[in-house]
N, C-alpha and C. Protein backbone atom coordinates (compact mmCIF):
# COMPACT_ATOMS: atom_id res chain seq x y z
N MET A 1 82.00 146.79 68.65
CA MET A 1 81.72 145.71 69.57
C MET A 1 82.50 145.83 70.86
N SER A 2 83.15 146.92 71.11
CA SER A 2 84.01 147.03 72.27
C SER A 2 83.25 146.95 73.58
N GLU A 3 81.94 147.20 73.55
CA GLU A 3 81.18 147.15 74.79
C GLU A 3 80.45 145.84 75.00
N GLY A 4 80.54 144.92 74.05
CA GLY A 4 79.83 143.66 74.20
C GLY A 4 80.28 142.90 75.44
N PHE A 5 79.36 142.11 75.97
CA PHE A 5 79.65 141.31 77.16
C PHE A 5 78.94 139.99 77.02
N GLY A 6 79.62 138.91 77.30
CA GLY A 6 78.99 137.60 77.16
C GLY A 6 79.45 136.62 78.20
N LEU A 7 78.84 135.46 78.16
CA LEU A 7 79.26 134.37 79.02
C LEU A 7 78.88 133.04 78.41
N VAL A 8 79.63 132.04 78.81
CA VAL A 8 79.35 130.66 78.47
C VAL A 8 79.19 129.93 79.79
N VAL A 9 78.09 129.17 79.89
CA VAL A 9 77.83 128.43 81.11
C VAL A 9 77.68 126.95 80.74
N ARG A 10 78.37 126.10 81.46
CA ARG A 10 78.27 124.65 81.24
C ARG A 10 77.59 124.04 82.46
N PHE A 11 76.43 123.45 82.22
CA PHE A 11 75.66 122.79 83.28
C PHE A 11 75.73 121.28 83.08
N VAL A 12 75.92 120.54 84.16
CA VAL A 12 75.85 119.08 84.13
C VAL A 12 74.63 118.68 84.95
N MET A 13 73.74 117.92 84.34
CA MET A 13 72.50 117.50 85.00
C MET A 13 72.72 116.26 85.86
N ARG A 14 71.87 116.10 86.85
CA ARG A 14 71.96 114.94 87.75
C ARG A 14 71.62 113.64 87.02
N ASP A 15 70.58 113.69 86.17
CA ASP A 15 70.12 112.50 85.45
C ASP A 15 69.19 112.95 84.33
N GLU A 16 68.64 112.00 83.59
CA GLU A 16 67.79 112.33 82.45
C GLU A 16 66.53 113.07 82.86
N ALA A 17 65.92 112.68 83.97
CA ALA A 17 64.71 113.37 84.43
C ALA A 17 65.03 114.82 84.78
N ALA A 18 66.16 115.04 85.41
CA ALA A 18 66.57 116.40 85.74
C ALA A 18 66.83 117.20 84.47
N ALA A 19 67.42 116.58 83.46
CA ALA A 19 67.69 117.27 82.20
C ALA A 19 66.39 117.70 81.54
N SER A 20 65.39 116.85 81.55
CA SER A 20 64.09 117.20 80.97
C SER A 20 63.44 118.36 81.71
N ALA A 21 63.47 118.30 83.02
CA ALA A 21 62.88 119.38 83.83
C ALA A 21 63.65 120.68 83.64
N PHE A 22 64.96 120.60 83.57
CA PHE A 22 65.79 121.78 83.34
C PHE A 22 65.46 122.40 81.98
N ASP A 23 65.29 121.57 80.97
CA ASP A 23 64.95 122.08 79.64
C ASP A 23 63.61 122.81 79.66
N ARG A 24 62.64 122.29 80.39
CA ARG A 24 61.34 122.98 80.50
C ARG A 24 61.51 124.33 81.19
N LEU A 25 62.31 124.37 82.24
CA LEU A 25 62.59 125.63 82.94
C LEU A 25 63.24 126.63 81.99
N CYS A 26 64.14 126.16 81.16
CA CYS A 26 64.81 127.04 80.19
C CYS A 26 63.81 127.63 79.20
N VAL A 27 62.89 126.81 78.70
CA VAL A 27 61.88 127.29 77.74
C VAL A 27 61.02 128.37 78.39
N GLU A 28 60.61 128.15 79.63
CA GLU A 28 59.80 129.14 80.35
C GLU A 28 60.59 130.43 80.55
N THR A 29 61.84 130.31 80.91
CA THR A 29 62.68 131.49 81.14
C THR A 29 62.89 132.26 79.85
N LEU A 30 63.10 131.54 78.77
CA LEU A 30 63.33 132.18 77.48
C LEU A 30 62.14 133.04 77.04
N GLN A 31 60.94 132.66 77.41
CA GLN A 31 59.77 133.47 77.07
C GLN A 31 59.90 134.88 77.65
N GLY A 32 60.32 134.98 78.89
CA GLY A 32 60.52 136.28 79.52
C GLY A 32 61.67 137.04 78.89
N ILE A 33 62.73 136.35 78.56
CA ILE A 33 63.89 136.99 77.94
C ILE A 33 63.49 137.61 76.60
N LYS A 34 62.77 136.84 75.78
CA LYS A 34 62.35 137.35 74.47
C LYS A 34 61.43 138.55 74.60
N ALA A 35 60.56 138.53 75.58
CA ALA A 35 59.54 139.58 75.72
C ALA A 35 60.05 140.84 76.40
N GLN A 36 61.05 140.72 77.27
CA GLN A 36 61.39 141.83 78.15
C GLN A 36 62.85 142.28 78.13
N GLU A 37 63.68 141.71 77.29
CA GLU A 37 65.10 142.01 77.38
C GLU A 37 65.71 142.43 76.04
N PRO A 38 65.52 143.66 75.63
CA PRO A 38 66.10 144.10 74.36
C PRO A 38 67.64 144.11 74.36
N GLY A 39 68.26 144.21 75.52
CA GLY A 39 69.72 144.22 75.61
C GLY A 39 70.35 142.84 75.57
N THR A 40 69.52 141.79 75.62
CA THR A 40 70.02 140.43 75.47
C THR A 40 70.02 140.12 73.99
N LEU A 41 71.21 140.04 73.40
CA LEU A 41 71.34 139.86 71.97
C LEU A 41 71.27 138.40 71.54
N VAL A 42 71.87 137.53 72.34
CA VAL A 42 71.86 136.09 72.06
C VAL A 42 71.71 135.36 73.39
N TYR A 43 70.81 134.38 73.42
CA TYR A 43 70.64 133.54 74.60
C TYR A 43 70.24 132.17 74.07
N VAL A 44 71.21 131.28 73.96
CA VAL A 44 70.98 129.99 73.32
C VAL A 44 71.46 128.87 74.23
N THR A 45 70.68 127.80 74.30
CA THR A 45 71.06 126.60 75.05
C THR A 45 71.45 125.52 74.05
N HIS A 46 72.57 124.88 74.30
CA HIS A 46 73.07 123.82 73.42
C HIS A 46 73.21 122.52 74.19
N VAL A 47 73.08 121.39 73.49
CA VAL A 47 73.42 120.08 74.02
C VAL A 47 74.61 119.58 73.22
N PRO A 48 75.78 119.41 73.84
CA PRO A 48 76.95 118.93 73.10
C PRO A 48 76.72 117.51 72.58
N ASP A 49 77.28 117.24 71.41
CA ASP A 49 77.20 115.89 70.84
C ASP A 49 77.68 114.87 71.86
N ASP A 50 76.94 113.79 71.99
CA ASP A 50 77.30 112.65 72.85
C ASP A 50 77.41 113.00 74.33
N GLN A 51 76.75 114.10 74.77
CA GLN A 51 76.75 114.46 76.18
C GLN A 51 75.32 114.86 76.58
N PRO A 52 74.41 113.90 76.64
CA PRO A 52 73.00 114.21 76.86
C PRO A 52 72.67 114.85 78.21
N LEU A 53 73.58 114.78 79.16
CA LEU A 53 73.32 115.39 80.47
C LEU A 53 74.01 116.74 80.62
N VAL A 54 74.56 117.26 79.54
CA VAL A 54 75.25 118.56 79.58
C VAL A 54 74.45 119.58 78.78
N ARG A 55 74.37 120.78 79.32
CA ARG A 55 73.79 121.92 78.60
C ARG A 55 74.82 123.03 78.62
N VAL A 56 75.02 123.67 77.47
CA VAL A 56 75.94 124.79 77.36
C VAL A 56 75.13 126.00 76.91
N PHE A 57 75.20 127.05 77.70
CA PHE A 57 74.52 128.30 77.35
C PHE A 57 75.54 129.25 76.74
N TYR A 58 75.12 129.93 75.69
CA TYR A 58 75.90 131.04 75.16
C TYR A 58 75.01 132.27 75.27
N GLU A 59 75.49 133.28 75.98
CA GLU A 59 74.73 134.50 76.21
C GLU A 59 75.57 135.70 75.79
N LEU A 60 74.96 136.59 75.01
CA LEU A 60 75.64 137.80 74.58
C LEU A 60 74.72 138.99 74.85
N TYR A 61 75.29 140.00 75.49
CA TYR A 61 74.54 141.20 75.88
C TYR A 61 75.18 142.43 75.26
N GLU A 62 74.38 143.48 75.10
CA GLU A 62 74.91 144.73 74.55
C GLU A 62 76.09 145.22 75.37
N ASP A 63 76.00 145.09 76.68
CA ASP A 63 77.05 145.53 77.59
C ASP A 63 76.78 144.92 78.96
N ARG A 64 77.63 145.21 79.90
CA ARG A 64 77.48 144.64 81.25
C ARG A 64 76.17 145.10 81.90
N GLY A 65 75.74 146.33 81.61
CA GLY A 65 74.47 146.83 82.14
C GLY A 65 73.29 146.00 81.68
N ALA A 66 73.31 145.57 80.43
CA ALA A 66 72.24 144.71 79.91
C ALA A 66 72.25 143.36 80.62
N PHE A 67 73.44 142.85 80.91
CA PHE A 67 73.52 141.59 81.68
C PHE A 67 72.95 141.78 83.08
N GLU A 68 73.30 142.88 83.72
CA GLU A 68 72.78 143.15 85.07
C GLU A 68 71.27 143.30 85.04
N ALA A 69 70.72 143.92 83.99
CA ALA A 69 69.27 144.03 83.86
C ALA A 69 68.65 142.64 83.69
N HIS A 70 69.30 141.79 82.91
CA HIS A 70 68.84 140.40 82.73
C HIS A 70 68.76 139.68 84.08
N GLU A 71 69.79 139.82 84.87
CA GLU A 71 69.84 139.15 86.18
C GLU A 71 68.77 139.65 87.14
N ALA A 72 68.27 140.87 86.94
CA ALA A 72 67.29 141.48 87.85
C ALA A 72 65.85 141.10 87.53
N HIS A 73 65.60 140.53 86.35
CA HIS A 73 64.22 140.18 85.97
C HIS A 73 63.70 139.01 86.79
N PRO A 74 62.41 139.01 87.11
CA PRO A 74 61.83 137.90 87.87
C PRO A 74 62.01 136.54 87.19
N HIS A 75 61.91 136.47 85.87
CA HIS A 75 62.07 135.17 85.20
C HIS A 75 63.49 134.64 85.37
N THR A 76 64.48 135.52 85.39
CA THR A 76 65.86 135.07 85.60
C THR A 76 66.07 134.67 87.05
N LYS A 77 65.54 135.43 87.97
CA LYS A 77 65.67 135.08 89.39
C LYS A 77 65.04 133.72 89.67
N ARG A 78 63.90 133.45 89.04
CA ARG A 78 63.24 132.15 89.21
C ARG A 78 64.15 131.04 88.66
N PHE A 79 64.71 131.26 87.47
CA PHE A 79 65.60 130.28 86.87
C PHE A 79 66.78 129.98 87.80
N LEU A 80 67.40 131.03 88.30
CA LEU A 80 68.58 130.86 89.16
C LEU A 80 68.23 130.11 90.44
N ALA A 81 67.04 130.35 90.99
CA ALA A 81 66.62 129.68 92.22
C ALA A 81 66.25 128.22 91.98
N GLU A 82 65.61 127.93 90.87
CA GLU A 82 65.10 126.57 90.62
C GLU A 82 66.11 125.63 89.97
N ARG A 83 67.10 126.15 89.30
CA ARG A 83 68.01 125.30 88.53
C ARG A 83 68.82 124.35 89.40
N GLU A 84 69.13 124.77 90.61
CA GLU A 84 70.04 123.99 91.46
C GLU A 84 69.57 122.56 91.69
N GLN A 85 68.27 122.35 91.77
CA GLN A 85 67.75 121.01 92.05
C GLN A 85 68.04 120.01 90.94
N TYR A 86 68.37 120.51 89.75
CA TYR A 86 68.62 119.63 88.61
C TYR A 86 70.11 119.39 88.33
N LEU A 87 70.98 120.13 89.00
CA LEU A 87 72.38 120.17 88.62
C LEU A 87 73.30 119.28 89.45
N ALA A 88 74.28 118.70 88.75
CA ALA A 88 75.39 118.03 89.41
C ALA A 88 76.61 118.93 89.41
N GLY A 89 76.61 119.93 88.50
CA GLY A 89 77.73 120.85 88.43
C GLY A 89 77.44 122.00 87.49
N VAL A 90 78.20 123.09 87.68
CA VAL A 90 78.07 124.26 86.81
C VAL A 90 79.42 124.96 86.72
N GLU A 91 79.72 125.48 85.53
CA GLU A 91 80.95 126.25 85.30
C GLU A 91 80.60 127.48 84.47
N VAL A 92 80.95 128.66 84.95
CA VAL A 92 80.63 129.91 84.27
C VAL A 92 81.93 130.58 83.82
N THR A 93 81.95 131.01 82.55
CA THR A 93 83.07 131.76 82.01
C THR A 93 82.53 133.08 81.46
N PHE A 94 82.97 134.20 82.03
CA PHE A 94 82.56 135.51 81.55
C PHE A 94 83.49 135.93 80.42
N LEU A 95 82.92 136.61 79.42
CA LEU A 95 83.66 136.96 78.20
C LEU A 95 83.54 138.45 77.91
N ASP A 96 84.65 139.11 77.70
CA ASP A 96 84.66 140.49 77.22
C ASP A 96 84.98 140.46 75.74
N THR A 97 84.20 141.16 74.95
CA THR A 97 84.37 141.15 73.51
C THR A 97 85.60 141.95 73.09
N VAL A 98 86.39 141.38 72.20
CA VAL A 98 87.53 142.05 71.63
C VAL A 98 87.18 142.48 70.20
N ALA A 99 86.66 141.56 69.41
CA ALA A 99 86.27 141.84 68.04
C ALA A 99 85.32 140.76 67.59
N GLY A 100 84.61 141.00 66.48
CA GLY A 100 83.71 139.98 65.98
C GLY A 100 82.79 140.50 64.91
N LYS A 101 81.86 139.66 64.51
CA LYS A 101 80.86 139.99 63.52
C LYS A 101 79.48 139.77 64.15
N VAL A 102 78.63 140.77 64.01
CA VAL A 102 77.27 140.68 64.51
C VAL A 102 76.34 141.00 63.35
N ALA A 103 75.35 140.15 63.11
CA ALA A 103 74.39 140.38 62.04
C ALA A 103 73.76 141.75 62.18
N GLY A 104 73.68 142.47 61.05
CA GLY A 104 73.06 143.79 61.07
C GLY A 104 73.96 144.93 61.49
N GLN A 105 75.21 144.63 61.83
CA GLN A 105 76.17 145.67 62.22
C GLN A 105 77.37 145.61 61.28
N PRO A 106 77.98 146.76 61.02
CA PRO A 106 79.15 146.78 60.14
C PRO A 106 80.36 146.08 60.76
């Protein structure tokens, strides 16, 4: 796992309508990720308990190159361009893998 690369992103929505629209954008984006990104190992959106206007993304890539390929896809570029209208704030934390367990790997 020494080459793994990940990030956690915390998004705060402007309001409930923005949260709903953001969730739809995420579903559309995920279709492209599933179809075109073999190097994207995990891409999950979470809603923290008791924080309905917050979304937390957990993303795990084979390596930094897979992340860069993810960023270059049209579906990701669209997501990055459109998300701003729904947000009150965003915080990104990049993660380098030290050790861990991955399904299907020793």
